[in-house]
Every structure is written in C-alpha cells, then in structure tokens.
Amino acid sequence: MAGRPRKPVQTKIIQGTFQKSRNPKDEAHFSSLNKLPAAPKTLNKYGKRLWDYGTELVSAGVITAPDVIAFEMCCEVYGRYKSLQEYIDSDPINNVEGAQSGRSAQAQQMNADFSACVKMMNEFGLTPASRNRFGVTKKKDADPDTEKMKGLLGA
C-alpha cells in the first residue's frame, strides 16, 4: 500500500483531528477496556513492570481489548531483553576491558530483542517520540467533546 499508513479512529480522536467525512465507514471498532487484566504468569519481573504501565494506556484509550495480546508480546520481549542484559552484565567474560561484546549468542539475541521491543513500544506510544504522535493530554473531570465524539462514532 502506497502512502502513509492509516491511523485508527481512536488516535485521530486523541489528537483532535477526527473528521467523520474522512473516516472510512467500514473501519473495525473495538470495545475499550475498563482496566487491564492481571499480568500474565509467563512474564518475568521486567515484563511485569512494563505491564503495569499499561493501565495508563488503557485509560488513554490506546489499548483496546484486541491489543492486549500485542501488548503482552511487547512485555515479553522487553522482559527477555532486560534478563539478557542482566546476564551479560554479570558474566565476567563480557566485563573484560577491551572484550568484543556482541559476539556471543546472548548478545546477538539481546540486540534482536532490543530492536523488536523498540518497534513494539513505538506502536503503543511508550517512547517520547512516539507519544508525540498521539498528543495525549491528561484527562479532565468532564470533557464536553467526549459525548460529541461518541455521537460521531455511533457509540
């Protein structure tokens, strides 16, 4: 597909750029979550720390029900990356002055996990640059535009 990738309706609403006339009529709408489920048992301690940040993403409307699986994958990769980083830092072979780190299988896997993790984190707005794409602001007690937007979406 040529051109810019399409933005989800929720992203347009958060940014304040939603226009009903420019929105595709057949775009899938997913239900929002009231709260993030408990962290999966498969996550290690680092992945669970990232999972805890997901509550803010749910309240901002960035994570919907189907996005939970993708966010879990992001937490899994982040946890694996941090565990490998901890292992490499604690291994005396890697801490020798002048050693060529990055040659071990663990270091290669850590680098691959880092790249994958950054890509996934960008999708959820977990980096400062990607957060600017959304332009998320703090929630107010009462937002008069919310009801208007719900009416436009037919919610």
Protein backbone atom coordinates (compact mmCIF):
# COMPACT_ATOMS: atom_id res chain seq x y z
CA MET A 1 0.00 0.00 0.00
CA ALA A 2 1.48 3.33 -1.05
CA GLY A 3 1.35 6.44 1.05
CA ARG A 4 1.01 6.92 4.76
CA PRO A 5 -0.40 4.13 6.89
CA ARG A 6 -3.92 4.76 8.14
CA LYS A 7 -4.41 5.93 11.70
CA PRO A 8 -7.01 4.29 13.90
CA VAL A 9 -10.07 6.41 14.73
CA GLN A 10 -9.13 6.49 18.43
CA THR A 11 -5.74 8.02 17.56
CA LYS A 12 -7.45 10.70 15.49
CA ILE A 13 -9.84 11.46 18.34
CA ILE A 14 -6.99 11.73 20.86
CA GLN A 15 -5.12 14.06 18.50
CA GLY A 16 -8.23 16.11 17.80
CA THR A 17 -8.05 15.51 14.03
CA PHE A 18 -11.10 13.25 13.63
CA GLN A 19 -13.40 14.19 10.75
CA LYS A 20 -16.38 11.98 10.05
CA SER A 21 -16.23 12.68 6.30
CA ARG A 22 -12.64 11.39 6.08
CA ASN A 23 -13.18 8.32 8.22
CA PRO A 24 -13.73 5.01 6.41
CA LYS A 25 -17.20 3.67 7.12
CA ASP A 26 -16.03 0.06 7.29
CA GLU A 27 -13.23 0.51 9.85
CA ALA A 28 -13.34 -2.00 12.67
CA HIS A 29 -14.30 -0.62 16.07
CA PHE A 30 -13.15 -2.46 19.15
CA SER A 31 -14.51 -2.11 22.63
CA SER A 32 -12.37 -0.20 25.08
CA LEU A 33 -11.19 -1.75 28.30
CA ASN A 34 -12.20 -0.56 31.74
CA LYS A 35 -9.00 -1.95 33.21
CA LEU A 36 -6.04 -4.02 32.13
CA PRO A 37 -6.23 -7.70 33.10
CA ALA A 38 -3.74 -9.07 35.60
CA ALA A 39 -0.23 -9.58 34.24
CA PRO A 40 0.23 -12.98 32.59
CA LYS A 41 2.15 -15.51 34.67
CA THR A 42 4.58 -16.05 31.78
CA LEU A 43 6.09 -12.57 32.19
CA ASN A 44 9.28 -12.19 34.19
CA LYS A 45 9.82 -9.36 36.68
CA TYR A 46 10.85 -6.88 33.98
CA GLY A 47 7.91 -7.71 31.75
CA LYS A 48 5.54 -7.28 34.69
CA ARG A 49 6.96 -3.81 35.36
CA LEU A 50 6.16 -2.79 31.79
CA TRP A 51 2.72 -4.41 32.07
CA ASP A 52 1.95 -2.09 34.99
CA TYR A 53 2.38 0.92 32.67
CA GLY A 54 -0.40 -0.48 30.54
CA THR A 55 -3.05 0.84 32.92
CA GLU A 56 -2.24 4.37 31.78
CA LEU A 57 -2.50 3.27 28.15
CA VAL A 58 -5.91 1.75 28.83
CA SER A 59 -7.16 4.95 30.49
CA ALA A 60 -5.91 6.96 27.48
CA GLY A 61 -7.79 4.62 25.12
CA VAL A 62 -4.62 3.46 23.34
CA ILE A 63 -5.05 -0.20 24.29
CA THR A 64 -8.35 -1.85 23.38
CA ALA A 65 -9.45 -5.43 24.00
CA PRO A 66 -7.67 -7.00 20.98
CA ASP A 67 -4.49 -5.02 21.70
CA VAL A 68 -3.86 -6.85 24.97
CA ILE A 69 -2.17 -9.74 23.15
CA ALA A 70 0.18 -7.41 21.27
CA PHE A 71 0.98 -5.55 24.48
CA GLU A 72 1.70 -8.88 26.20
CA MET A 73 4.15 -9.72 23.41
CA CYS A 74 5.81 -6.33 23.89
CA CYS A 75 6.18 -7.01 27.63
CA GLU A 76 7.54 -10.50 26.93
CA VAL A 77 10.23 -9.21 24.57
CA TYR A 78 11.13 -6.38 26.95
CA GLY A 79 11.47 -8.82 29.83
CA ARG A 80 13.67 -11.13 27.78
CA TYR A 81 15.85 -8.20 26.70
CA LYS A 82 16.34 -6.98 30.28
CA SER A 83 17.11 -10.51 31.51
CA LEU A 84 19.74 -11.00 28.82
CA GLN A 85 21.21 -7.60 29.62
CA GLU A 86 21.44 -8.56 33.28
CA TYR A 87 23.08 -11.89 32.40
CA ILE A 88 25.63 -10.30 30.08
CA ASP A 89 26.49 -7.62 32.64
CA SER A 90 27.03 -10.22 35.35
CA ASP A 91 29.14 -12.54 33.17
CA PRO A 92 32.86 -11.89 33.89
CA ILE A 93 33.83 -12.82 30.32
CA ASN A 94 31.81 -9.89 28.97
CA ASN A 95 33.19 -7.44 31.53
CA VAL A 96 36.85 -7.74 30.48
CA GLU A 97 38.39 -4.46 29.36
CA GLY A 98 38.64 -4.45 25.57
CA ALA A 99 36.46 -7.54 25.11
CA GLN A 100 34.36 -7.60 21.97
CA SER A 101 30.89 -7.81 23.35
CA GLY A 102 28.20 -8.55 20.85
CA ARG A 103 29.78 -11.74 19.58
CA SER A 104 28.07 -14.11 21.97
CA ALA A 105 24.73 -15.69 21.14
CA GLN A 106 23.20 -13.97 24.17
CA ALA A 107 24.38 -10.56 22.97
CA GLN A 108 23.01 -11.18 19.48
CA GLN A 109 19.65 -12.25 20.91
CA MET A 110 19.65 -9.21 23.21
CA ASN A 111 20.23 -6.91 20.22
CA ALA A 112 17.42 -8.58 18.27
CA ASP A 113 15.08 -8.27 21.26
CA PHE A 114 16.02 -4.62 21.65
CA SER A 115 15.08 -3.85 18.04
CA ALA A 116 11.80 -5.75 18.30
CA CYS A 117 10.98 -4.13 21.63
CA VAL A 118 11.56 -0.59 20.35
CA LYS A 119 9.28 -1.23 17.37
CA MET A 120 6.51 -2.57 19.61
CA MET A 121 6.92 0.22 22.15
CA ASN A 122 6.54 2.79 19.37
CA GLU A 123 3.21 1.22 18.40
CA PHE A 124 1.89 1.79 21.92
CA GLY A 125 3.35 5.29 22.40
CA LEU A 126 5.82 4.19 25.08
CA THR A 127 8.69 6.34 23.84
CA PRO A 128 8.75 10.16 23.94
CA ALA A 129 8.88 10.48 20.16
CA SER A 130 6.02 8.08 19.57
CA ARG A 131 3.98 9.69 22.36
CA ASN A 132 4.15 12.97 20.45
CA ARG A 133 2.34 11.30 17.55
CA PHE A 134 -0.65 10.81 19.81
CA GLY A 135 -0.56 14.16 21.61
CA VAL A 136 -2.19 12.59 24.66
CA THR A 137 -3.20 15.05 27.33
CA LYS A 138 -4.29 14.44 30.89
CA LYS A 139 -7.92 13.54 31.37
CA LYS A 140 -10.16 16.23 32.79
CA ASP A 141 -13.05 15.64 35.13
CA ALA A 142 -15.62 16.38 32.45
CA ASP A 143 -14.80 16.61 28.77
CA PRO A 144 -17.65 18.19 26.78
CA ASP A 145 -16.23 16.91 23.49
CA THR A 146 -16.35 13.27 24.59
CA GLU A 147 -20.10 12.97 24.16
CA LYS A 148 -19.88 14.72 20.80
CA MET A 149 -17.22 12.27 19.62
CA LYS A 150 -19.22 9.30 20.85
CA GLY A 151 -22.15 10.59 18.85
CA LEU A 152 -20.00 10.87 15.74
CA LEU A 153 -18.81 7.30 16.15
CA GLY A 154 -22.28 6.00 16.89
CA ALA A 155 -21.20 4.70 20.29
